Protein backbone atom coordinates (compact mmCIF):
# COMPACT_ATOMS: atom_id res chain seq x y z
CA UNK A 1 87.27 -38.56 212.30
CA UNK A 2 90.85 -39.05 213.46
CA UNK A 3 91.55 -39.11 217.17
CA UNK A 4 93.86 -36.42 218.48
CA UNK A 5 97.07 -37.76 220.03
CA UNK A 6 97.35 -37.46 223.81
CA UNK A 7 101.12 -36.92 223.72
CA UNK A 8 103.70 -35.21 221.54
CA UNK A 9 107.38 -35.91 221.10
CA UNK A 10 109.92 -33.14 221.57
CA UNK A 11 110.18 -32.75 217.79
CA UNK A 12 106.41 -32.64 217.34
CA UNK A 13 105.98 -29.96 220.02
CA UNK A 14 108.87 -27.94 218.58
CA UNK A 15 107.22 -28.06 215.15
CA UNK A 16 103.87 -27.00 216.64
CA UNK A 17 105.49 -23.96 218.24
CA UNK A 18 107.92 -23.23 215.39
CA UNK A 19 110.94 -23.49 217.68
CA UNK A 20 114.01 -25.68 217.73
CA UNK A 21 113.87 -28.98 219.64
CA UNK A 22 117.06 -27.72 221.28
CA UNK A 23 115.05 -24.84 222.78
CA UNK A 24 112.83 -27.36 224.56
CA UNK A 25 115.95 -29.16 225.82
CA UNK A 26 117.34 -25.89 227.14
CA UNK A 27 114.05 -25.02 228.82
CA UNK A 28 113.97 -28.42 230.55
CA UNK A 29 117.50 -27.95 231.85
CA UNK A 30 116.45 -24.57 233.29
CA UNK A 31 113.15 -25.83 234.77
CA UNK A 32 111.23 -23.71 232.28
CA UNK A 33 108.64 -24.62 229.69
CA UNK A 34 105.77 -27.08 229.77
CA UNK A 35 105.61 -30.12 232.03
CA UNK A 36 107.07 -33.27 230.49
CA UNK A 37 107.36 -36.97 231.16
CA UNK A 38 110.57 -38.98 230.93
CA UNK A 39 109.50 -42.47 229.95
CA UNK A 40 111.95 -45.23 229.08
CA UNK A 41 114.62 -42.63 228.33
CA UNK A 42 112.35 -40.60 226.05
CA UNK A 43 110.83 -37.20 226.67
CA UNK A 44 107.15 -36.82 225.90
CA UNK A 45 104.76 -33.94 226.41
CA UNK A 46 101.08 -34.35 227.14
CA UNK A 47 99.03 -32.27 224.71
CA UNK A 48 97.02 -30.95 227.68
CA UNK A 49 100.23 -29.68 229.34
CA UNK A 50 101.34 -27.95 226.16
CA UNK A 51 97.94 -26.29 225.79
CA UNK A 52 97.99 -25.22 229.46
CA UNK A 53 101.43 -23.66 228.92
CA UNK A 54 100.11 -21.83 225.85
CA UNK A 55 97.04 -20.57 227.73
CA UNK A 56 99.14 -19.34 230.67
CA UNK A 57 101.20 -17.22 228.27
CA UNK A 58 98.29 -15.83 226.28
CA UNK A 59 98.23 -12.06 226.15
CA UNK A 60 95.32 -9.92 225.05
CA UNK A 61 96.64 -6.59 223.71
CA UNK A 62 93.34 -4.91 224.56
CA UNK A 63 93.92 -5.80 228.23
CA UNK A 64 97.51 -4.56 228.38
CA UNK A 65 98.29 -1.29 230.17
CA UNK A 66 98.36 1.63 227.78
CA UNK A 67 95.95 -0.03 225.37
């Protein structure tokens, strides 16, 4: 069994979410998006932070008003 990585690069996270890496750059400049780490001039995202961001934006249509 292969271990799951603990971090993702900007490109890896963009691929996961089917968005442009530039979108992640824009979000960072606007203090939006998932938490990130700047390490030695590189931007990395912890998988746990990406999953927390996903969970915080989860919507259940059955729970929406008017459903």
